[in-house]
Protein backbone atom coordinates (compact mmCIF):
# COMPACT_ATOMS: atom_id res chain seq x y z
CA MET A 1 68.07 15.30 -53.47
CA PRO A 2 68.26 15.86 -57.21
CA ILE A 3 70.74 13.71 -59.62
CA PHE A 4 72.34 15.47 -62.62
CA GLU A 5 73.99 13.67 -65.79
CA TYR A 6 77.24 14.75 -67.33
CA VAL A 7 79.60 14.05 -69.78
CA CYS A 8 83.87 15.02 -69.11
CA ASP A 9 84.70 17.57 -71.73
CA ASP A 10 88.00 15.87 -71.36
CA CYS A 11 87.74 12.01 -72.02
CA GLY A 12 84.00 11.40 -72.79
CA GLU A 13 83.61 9.43 -69.68
CA ARG A 14 79.22 9.53 -68.79
CA TYR A 15 78.42 9.35 -64.41
CA GLU A 16 75.69 10.80 -62.68
CA GLN A 17 76.36 13.04 -59.40
CA ILE A 18 74.03 13.67 -56.54
CA VAL A 19 74.23 17.19 -56.32
CA LEU A 20 73.57 19.08 -52.27
CA SER A 21 73.85 22.61 -53.03
CA LYS A 22 75.74 24.67 -55.98
CA SER A 23 78.83 24.82 -54.05
CA THR A 24 79.25 20.76 -54.86
CA LYS A 25 82.23 20.36 -57.02
CA ILE A 26 81.61 18.31 -60.03
CA THR A 27 84.88 15.85 -60.90
CA CYS A 28 85.33 12.97 -63.50
CA PRO A 29 85.67 9.48 -61.93
CA LYS A 30 88.10 7.90 -64.64
CA CYS A 31 89.61 11.38 -64.90
CA ASP A 32 89.30 13.66 -62.00
CA SER A 33 88.55 16.63 -65.00
CA GLY A 34 86.33 19.53 -63.63
CA GLN A 35 85.50 19.93 -67.31
CA HIS A 36 82.31 19.05 -67.70
CA THR A 37 78.96 19.34 -70.09
CA VAL A 38 75.39 18.64 -68.34
CA GLN A 39 73.47 16.17 -69.91
CA LEU A 40 69.78 16.61 -70.34
CA SER A 41 67.72 13.63 -67.62
CA VAL A 42 65.19 11.26 -69.07
CA PHE A 43 63.24 9.85 -66.16
CA ALA A 44 60.62 7.15 -65.93
CA ALA A 45 57.26 7.14 -64.92
CA PRO A 46 54.92 4.64 -64.40
CA SER A 47 51.82 4.17 -67.06
CA ASN A 48 48.52 3.65 -65.32
CA ALA A 49 46.88 0.18 -66.83
CA THR A 50 43.89 0.72 -68.85
CA LYS A 51 41.18 -1.69 -68.62
CA ALA A 52 40.02 -3.81 -71.89
CA SER A 53 36.42 -4.13 -73.10
CA ASN A 54 35.98 -7.50 -71.01
CA GLY A 55 36.74 -6.01 -67.89
CA GLY A 56 40.37 -6.76 -67.49
CA SER A 57 43.52 -5.21 -67.60
CA SER A 58 45.02 -4.56 -70.76
CA THR A 59 48.66 -5.74 -69.35
CA SER A 60 50.30 -8.58 -68.21
CA GLY A 61 51.82 -6.74 -65.33
CA ALA A 62 55.05 -6.28 -67.05
CA PRO A 63 56.03 -1.97 -67.87
CA SER A 64 54.87 -0.34 -71.12
CA GLY A 65 56.50 -0.88 -74.47
CA GLY A 66 59.31 1.41 -74.46
CA GLY A 67 61.08 1.09 -71.04
CA CYS A 68 63.06 3.93 -70.33
CA CYS A 69 61.26 6.62 -72.49
CA GLY A 70 58.55 4.95 -73.93
CA GLY A 71 60.41 4.02 -76.92
CA ALA A 72 60.58 7.95 -78.82
CA CYS A 73 64.44 7.70 -77.96
CA GLY A 74 64.88 4.60 -79.69
CA CYS A 75 66.84 3.12 -76.73
CA GLN A 76 64.96 -0.70 -77.05
């Protein structure tokens, strides 16, 4: 099930909506407006730990730097 992110054109509220079909009515949860702009979604994917030269893991089990998008957008 795809999850889409929206910004309400009337009140500026940011929200997510599961869209099951093209006939799904999307309304703002704050003001109930049907006027919205679809936002570009950013998703997170786990990275594989690489082995350090001594054969051990180069990470300590913590996520690699950057959080949700790798840090390129400055969210961290």
